[in-house]
PDB file of all heavy atoms in Angstrom:
ATOM      1  N   ALA A   1    -112.907 -77.046 -88.021  1.00  0.00           N
ATOM      2  CA  ALA A   1    -111.877 -77.225 -86.983  1.00  0.00           C
ATOM      3  C   ALA A   1    -110.544 -77.724 -87.567  1.00  0.00           C
ATOM      4  O   ALA A   1    -109.501 -77.382 -87.036  1.00  0.00           O
ATOM      5  CB  ALA A   1    -112.378 -78.407 -85.990  1.00  0.00           C
ATOM      6  N   ASN A   2    -110.567 -78.343 -88.763  1.00  0.00           N
ATOM      7  CA  ASN A   2    -109.280 -78.708 -89.365  1.00  0.00           C
ATOM      8  C   ASN A   2    -108.479 -77.599 -89.916  1.00  0.00           C
ATOM      9  O   ASN A   2    -107.346 -77.765 -90.212  1.00  0.00           O
ATOM     10  CB  ASN A   2    -109.575 -79.714 -90.540  1.00  0.00           C
ATOM     11  CG  ASN A   2    -109.651 -81.157 -90.020  1.00  0.00           C
ATOM     12  OD1 ASN A   2    -108.823 -81.596 -89.150  1.00  0.00           O
ATOM     13  ND2 ASN A   2    -110.578 -81.971 -90.448  1.00  0.00           N
ATOM     14  N   GLN A   3    -109.078 -76.365 -89.861  1.00  0.00           N
ATOM     15  CA  GLN A   3    -108.338 -75.201 -90.308  1.00  0.00           C
ATOM     16  C   GLN A   3    -107.642 -74.473 -89.136  1.00  0.00           C
ATOM     17  O   GLN A   3    -107.109 -73.425 -89.333  1.00  0.00           O
ATOM     18  CB  GLN A   3    -109.350 -74.206 -90.995  1.00  0.00           C
ATOM     19  CG  GLN A   3    -109.973 -74.838 -92.240  1.00  0.00           C
ATOM     20  CD  GLN A   3    -111.195 -73.972 -92.707  1.00  0.00           C
ATOM     21  OE1 GLN A   3    -111.319 -72.836 -92.307  1.00  0.00           O
ATOM     22  NE2 GLN A   3    -112.021 -74.579 -93.540  1.00  0.00           N
ATOM     23  N   GLU A   4    -107.744 -74.998 -87.955  1.00  0.00           N
ATOM     24  CA  GLU A   4    -107.330 -74.350 -86.706  1.00  0.00           C
ATOM     25  C   GLU A   4    -106.481 -75.284 -85.907  1.00  0.00           C
ATOM     26  O   GLU A   4    -106.458 -76.435 -85.954  1.00  0.00           O
ATOM     27  CB  GLU A   4    -108.541 -73.979 -85.859  1.00  0.00           C
ATOM     28  CG  GLU A   4    -109.642 -73.193 -86.577  1.00  0.00           C
ATOM     29  CD  GLU A   4    -109.304 -71.691 -86.612  1.00  0.00           C
ATOM     30  OE1 GLU A   4    -108.234 -71.273 -86.063  1.00  0.00           O
ATOM     31  OE2 GLU A   4    -110.101 -70.904 -87.202  1.00  0.00           O
ATOM     32  N   SER A   5    -105.713 -74.662 -84.991  1.00  0.00           N
ATOM     33  CA  SER A   5    -105.089 -75.285 -83.826  1.00  0.00           C
ATOM     34  C   SER A   5    -106.111 -75.096 -82.736  1.00  0.00           C
ATOM     35  O   SER A   5    -106.521 -73.932 -82.452  1.00  0.00           O
ATOM     36  CB  SER A   5    -103.759 -74.754 -83.492  1.00  0.00           C
ATOM     37  OG  SER A   5    -103.227 -75.316 -82.337  1.00  0.00           O
ATOM     38  N   PHE A   6    -106.555 -76.186 -82.044  1.00  0.00           N
ATOM     39  CA  PHE A   6    -107.744 -76.003 -81.126  1.00  0.00           C
ATOM     40  C   PHE A   6    -107.572 -76.907 -79.870  1.00  0.00           C
ATOM     41  O   PHE A   6    -106.843 -77.813 -79.878  1.00  0.00           O
ATOM     42  CB  PHE A   6    -109.013 -76.272 -81.892  1.00  0.00           C
ATOM     43  CG  PHE A   6    -109.129 -77.722 -82.415  1.00  0.00           C
ATOM     44  CD1 PHE A   6    -109.641 -78.707 -81.564  1.00  0.00           C
ATOM     45  CD2 PHE A   6    -108.661 -78.021 -83.695  1.00  0.00           C
ATOM     46  CE1 PHE A   6    -109.769 -80.047 -82.001  1.00  0.00           C
ATOM     47  CE2 PHE A   6    -108.804 -79.343 -84.126  1.00  0.00           C
ATOM     48  CZ  PHE A   6    -109.344 -80.314 -83.292  1.00  0.00           C
ATOM     49  N   ILE A   7    -108.449 -76.524 -78.933  1.00  0.00           N
ATOM     50  CA  ILE A   7    -108.667 -77.278 -77.682  1.00  0.00           C
ATOM     51  C   ILE A   7    -109.971 -78.011 -77.915  1.00  0.00           C
ATOM     52  O   ILE A   7    -111.041 -77.355 -78.143  1.00  0.00           O
ATOM     53  CB  ILE A   7    -108.733 -76.277 -76.490  1.00  0.00           C
ATOM     54  CG1 ILE A   7    -107.407 -75.583 -76.353  1.00  0.00           C
ATOM     55  CG2 ILE A   7    -109.144 -77.049 -75.230  1.00  0.00           C
ATOM     56  CD1 ILE A   7    -107.451 -74.360 -75.382  1.00  0.00           C
ATOM     57  N   ALA A   8    -109.964 -79.298 -77.754  1.00  0.00           N
ATOM     58  CA  ALA A   8    -111.115 -80.117 -77.882  1.00  0.00           C
ATOM     59  C   ALA A   8    -111.776 -80.244 -76.482  1.00  0.00           C
ATOM     60  O   ALA A   8    -111.105 -80.628 -75.489  1.00  0.00           O
ATOM     61  CB  ALA A   8    -110.755 -81.484 -78.384  1.00  0.00           C
ATOM     62  N   LEU A   9    -113.070 -79.918 -76.397  1.00  0.00           N
ATOM     63  CA  LEU A   9    -113.804 -80.188 -75.160  1.00  0.00           C
ATOM     64  C   LEU A   9    -114.296 -81.620 -75.241  1.00  0.00           C
ATOM     65  O   LEU A   9    -115.096 -81.906 -76.188  1.00  0.00           O
ATOM     66  CB  LEU A   9    -114.939 -79.146 -75.011  1.00  0.00           C
ATOM     67  CG  LEU A   9    -114.452 -77.733 -74.834  1.00  0.00           C
ATOM     68  CD1 LEU A   9    -115.599 -76.831 -74.677  1.00  0.00           C
ATOM     69  CD2 LEU A   9    -113.569 -77.654 -73.529  1.00  0.00           C
ATOM     70  N   ASP A  10    -113.701 -82.499 -74.387  1.00  0.00           N
ATOM     71  CA  ASP A  10    -113.926 -83.922 -74.512  1.00  0.00           C
ATOM     72  C   ASP A  10    -114.034 -84.430 -73.086  1.00  0.00           C
ATOM     73  O   ASP A  10    -113.149 -84.207 -72.260  1.00  0.00           O
ATOM     74  CB  ASP A  10    -112.734 -84.475 -75.189  1.00  0.00           C
ATOM     75  CG  ASP A  10    -112.750 -85.927 -75.329  1.00  0.00           C
ATOM     76  OD1 ASP A  10    -113.835 -86.660 -75.140  1.00  0.00           O
ATOM     77  OD2 ASP A  10    -111.718 -86.564 -75.719  1.00  0.00           O
ATOM     78  N   PRO A  11    -115.137 -85.180 -72.873  1.00  0.00           N
ATOM     79  CA  PRO A  11    -115.295 -85.755 -71.424  1.00  0.00           C
ATOM     80  C   PRO A  11    -114.154 -86.652 -70.994  1.00  0.00           C
ATOM     81  O   PRO A  11    -113.952 -86.860 -69.827  1.00  0.00           O
ATOM     82  CB  PRO A  11    -116.615 -86.617 -71.612  1.00  0.00           C
ATOM     83  CG  PRO A  11    -117.241 -86.119 -72.812  1.00  0.00           C
ATOM     84  CD  PRO A  11    -116.275 -85.519 -73.649  1.00  0.00           C
ATOM     85  N   LYS A  12    -113.360 -87.218 -72.033  1.00  0.00           N
ATOM     86  CA  LYS A  12    -112.226 -88.020 -71.666  1.00  0.00           C
ATOM     87  C   LYS A  12    -110.939 -87.196 -71.656  1.00  0.00           C
ATOM     88  O   LYS A  12    -109.870 -87.757 -71.469  1.00  0.00           O
ATOM     89  CB  LYS A  12    -112.161 -89.186 -72.649  1.00  0.00           C
ATOM     90  CG  LYS A  12    -113.323 -90.059 -72.508  1.00  0.00           C
ATOM     91  CD  LYS A  12    -113.270 -91.233 -73.487  1.00  0.00           C
ATOM     92  CE  LYS A  12    -114.540 -92.110 -73.357  1.00  0.00           C
ATOM     93  NZ  LYS A  12    -114.677 -93.001 -74.495  1.00  0.00           N
ATOM     94  N   GLY A  13    -111.026 -85.943 -71.730  1.00  0.00           N
ATOM     95  CA  GLY A  13    -109.851 -85.090 -71.727  1.00  0.00           C
ATOM     96  C   GLY A  13    -109.335 -84.896 -70.309  1.00  0.00           C
ATOM     97  O   GLY A  13    -109.866 -85.456 -69.348  1.00  0.00           O
ATOM     98  N   GLU A  14    -108.381 -83.947 -70.197  1.00  0.00           N
ATOM     99  CA  GLU A  14    -107.776 -83.731 -68.853  1.00  0.00           C
ATOM    100  C   GLU A  14    -108.694 -82.893 -67.940  1.00  0.00           C
ATOM    101  O   GLU A  14    -109.249 -81.892 -68.332  1.00  0.00           O
ATOM    102  CB  GLU A  14    -106.410 -82.888 -69.028  1.00  0.00           C
ATOM    103  CG  GLU A  14    -105.699 -82.716 -67.800  1.00  0.00           C
ATOM    104  CD  GLU A  14    -104.403 -81.967 -68.090  1.00  0.00           C
ATOM    105  OE1 GLU A  14    -103.874 -81.967 -69.180  1.00  0.00           O
ATOM    106  OE2 GLU A  14    -103.812 -81.495 -67.063  1.00  0.00           O
ATOM    107  N   LEU A  15    -108.925 -83.364 -66.713  1.00  0.00           N
ATOM    108  CA  LEU A  15    -109.720 -82.688 -65.721  1.00  0.00           C
ATOM    109  C   LEU A  15    -108.733 -81.692 -65.011  1.00  0.00           C
ATOM    110  O   LEU A  15    -107.679 -82.063 -64.589  1.00  0.00           O
ATOM    111  CB  LEU A  15    -110.302 -83.608 -64.724  1.00  0.00           C
ATOM    112  CG  LEU A  15    -111.503 -84.424 -65.162  1.00  0.00           C
ATOM    113  CD1 LEU A  15    -111.823 -85.555 -64.128  1.00  0.00           C
ATOM    114  CD2 LEU A  15    -112.704 -83.493 -65.319  1.00  0.00           C
ATOM    115  N   LEU A  16    -109.216 -80.494 -64.941  1.00  0.00           N
ATOM    116  CA  LEU A  16    -108.406 -79.443 -64.178  1.00  0.00           C
ATOM    117  C   LEU A  16    -109.326 -78.761 -63.156  1.00  0.00           C
ATOM    118  O   LEU A  16    -110.506 -78.554 -63.430  1.00  0.00           O
ATOM    119  CB  LEU A  16    -107.890 -78.366 -65.269  1.00  0.00           C
ATOM    120  CG  LEU A  16    -106.971 -78.824 -66.379  1.00  0.00           C
ATOM    121  CD1 LEU A  16    -106.796 -77.759 -67.399  1.00  0.00           C
ATOM    122  CD2 LEU A  16    -105.617 -79.160 -65.730  1.00  0.00           C
ATOM    123  N   THR A  17    -108.679 -78.280 -62.138  1.00  0.00           N
ATOM    124  CA  THR A  17    -109.354 -77.363 -61.254  1.00  0.00           C
ATOM    125  C   THR A  17    -109.481 -75.999 -61.983  1.00  0.00           C
ATOM    126  O   THR A  17    -108.830 -75.747 -62.994  1.00  0.00           O
ATOM    127  CB  THR A  17    -108.567 -77.158 -59.951  1.00  0.00           C
ATOM    128  OG1 THR A  17    -107.339 -76.530 -60.250  1.00  0.00           O
ATOM    129  CG2 THR A  17    -108.300 -78.478 -59.259  1.00  0.00           C
ATOM    130  N   SER A  18    -110.347 -75.121 -61.422  1.00  0.00           N
ATOM    131  CA  SER A  18    -110.457 -73.775 -62.011  1.00  0.00           C
ATOM    132  C   SER A  18    -109.121 -73.070 -61.961  1.00  0.00           C
ATOM    133  O   SER A  18    -108.694 -72.409 -62.938  1.00  0.00           O
ATOM    134  CB  SER A  18    -111.513 -72.950 -61.268  1.00  0.00           C
ATOM    135  OG  SER A  18    -112.820 -73.575 -61.547  1.00  0.00           O
ATOM    136  N   GLU A  19    -108.385 -73.242 -60.835  1.00  0.00           N
ATOM    137  CA  GLU A  19    -107.032 -72.641 -60.749  1.00  0.00           C
ATOM    138  C   GLU A  19    -106.034 -73.169 -61.741  1.00  0.00           C
ATOM    139  O   GLU A  19    -105.270 -72.439 -62.420  1.00  0.00           O
ATOM    140  CB  GLU A  19    -106.520 -72.784 -59.322  1.00  0.00           C
ATOM    141  CG  GLU A  19    -107.257 -72.075 -58.243  1.00  0.00           C
ATOM    142  CD  GLU A  19    -108.364 -72.943 -57.658  1.00  0.00           C
ATOM    143  OE1 GLU A  19    -108.755 -74.017 -58.226  1.00  0.00           O
ATOM    144  OE2 GLU A  19    -108.882 -72.517 -56.584  1.00  0.00           O
ATOM    145  N   GLY A  20    -106.140 -74.538 -61.917  1.00  0.00           N
ATOM    146  CA  GLY A  20    -105.255 -75.200 -62.954  1.00  0.00           C
ATOM    147  C   GLY A  20    -105.612 -74.711 -64.324  1.00  0.00           C
ATOM    148  O   GLY A  20    -104.697 -74.541 -65.117  1.00  0.00           O
ATOM    149  N   TRP A  21    -106.881 -74.586 -64.647  1.00  0.00           N
ATOM    150  CA  TRP A  21    -107.325 -74.099 -65.941  1.00  0.00           C
ATOM    151  C   TRP A  21    -106.783 -72.633 -66.165  1.00  0.00           C
ATOM    152  O   TRP A  21    -106.320 -72.343 -67.248  1.00  0.00           O
ATOM    153  CB  TRP A  21    -108.793 -74.221 -66.196  1.00  0.00           C
ATOM    154  CG  TRP A  21    -109.265 -73.334 -67.403  1.00  0.00           C
ATOM    155  CD1 TRP A  21    -110.011 -72.266 -67.362  1.00  0.00           C
ATOM    156  CD2 TRP A  21    -108.759 -73.537 -68.734  1.00  0.00           C
ATOM    157  NE1 TRP A  21    -110.104 -71.791 -68.666  1.00  0.00           N
ATOM    158  CE2 TRP A  21    -109.318 -72.503 -69.469  1.00  0.00           C
ATOM    159  CE3 TRP A  21    -107.939 -74.498 -69.378  1.00  0.00           C
ATOM    160  CZ2 TRP A  21    -109.130 -72.402 -70.859  1.00  0.00           C
ATOM    161  CZ3 TRP A  21    -107.738 -74.348 -70.709  1.00  0.00           C
ATOM    162  CH2 TRP A  21    -108.336 -73.359 -71.478  1.00  0.00           C
ATOM    163  N   SER A  22    -106.891 -71.773 -65.125  1.00  0.00           N
ATOM    164  CA  SER A  22    -106.433 -70.461 -65.223  1.00  0.00           C
ATOM    165  C   SER A  22    -104.963 -70.377 -65.584  1.00  0.00           C
ATOM    166  O   SER A  22    -104.627 -69.608 -66.504  1.00  0.00           O
ATOM    167  CB  SER A  22    -106.691 -69.675 -63.928  1.00  0.00           C
ATOM    168  OG  SER A  22    -106.315 -68.351 -64.023  1.00  0.00           O
ATOM    169  N   GLN A  23    -104.199 -71.187 -65.021  1.00  0.00           N
ATOM    170  CA  GLN A  23    -102.695 -71.189 -65.271  1.00  0.00           C
ATOM    171  C   GLN A  23    -102.493 -71.695 -66.667  1.00  0.00           C
ATOM    172  O   GLN A  23    -101.732 -71.187 -67.467  1.00  0.00           O
ATOM    173  CB  GLN A  23    -102.031 -72.074 -64.276  1.00  0.00           C
ATOM    174  CG  GLN A  23    -101.986 -71.497 -62.848  1.00  0.00           C
ATOM    175  CD  GLN A  23    -101.445 -72.532 -61.833  1.00  0.00           C
ATOM    176  OE1 GLN A  23    -101.131 -73.637 -62.176  1.00  0.00           O
ATOM    177  NE2 GLN A  23    -101.448 -72.118 -60.567  1.00  0.00           N
ATOM    178  N   LYS A  24    -103.202 -72.810 -67.098  1.00  0.00           N
ATOM    179  CA  LYS A  24    -102.995 -73.387 -68.410  1.00  0.00           C
ATOM    180  C   LYS A  24    -103.485 -72.335 -69.487  1.00  0.00           C
ATOM    181  O   LYS A  24    -102.798 -72.249 -70.481  1.00  0.00           O
ATOM    182  CB  LYS A  24    -103.922 -74.610 -68.471  1.00  0.00           C
ATOM    183  CG  LYS A  24    -103.765 -75.310 -69.851  1.00  0.00           C
ATOM    184  CD  LYS A  24    -103.137 -76.594 -69.688  1.00  0.00           C
ATOM    185  CE  LYS A  24    -102.966 -77.360 -70.989  1.00  0.00           C
ATOM    186  NZ  LYS A  24    -101.810 -78.223 -70.925  1.00  0.00           N
TER     187      LYS A  24
END
């Protein structure tokens, strides 16, 4: 992971709706 720019899947991360995630 340290070799990449990444999205962390984390229970304390931002909650998004499916529509919000699609836009993001």
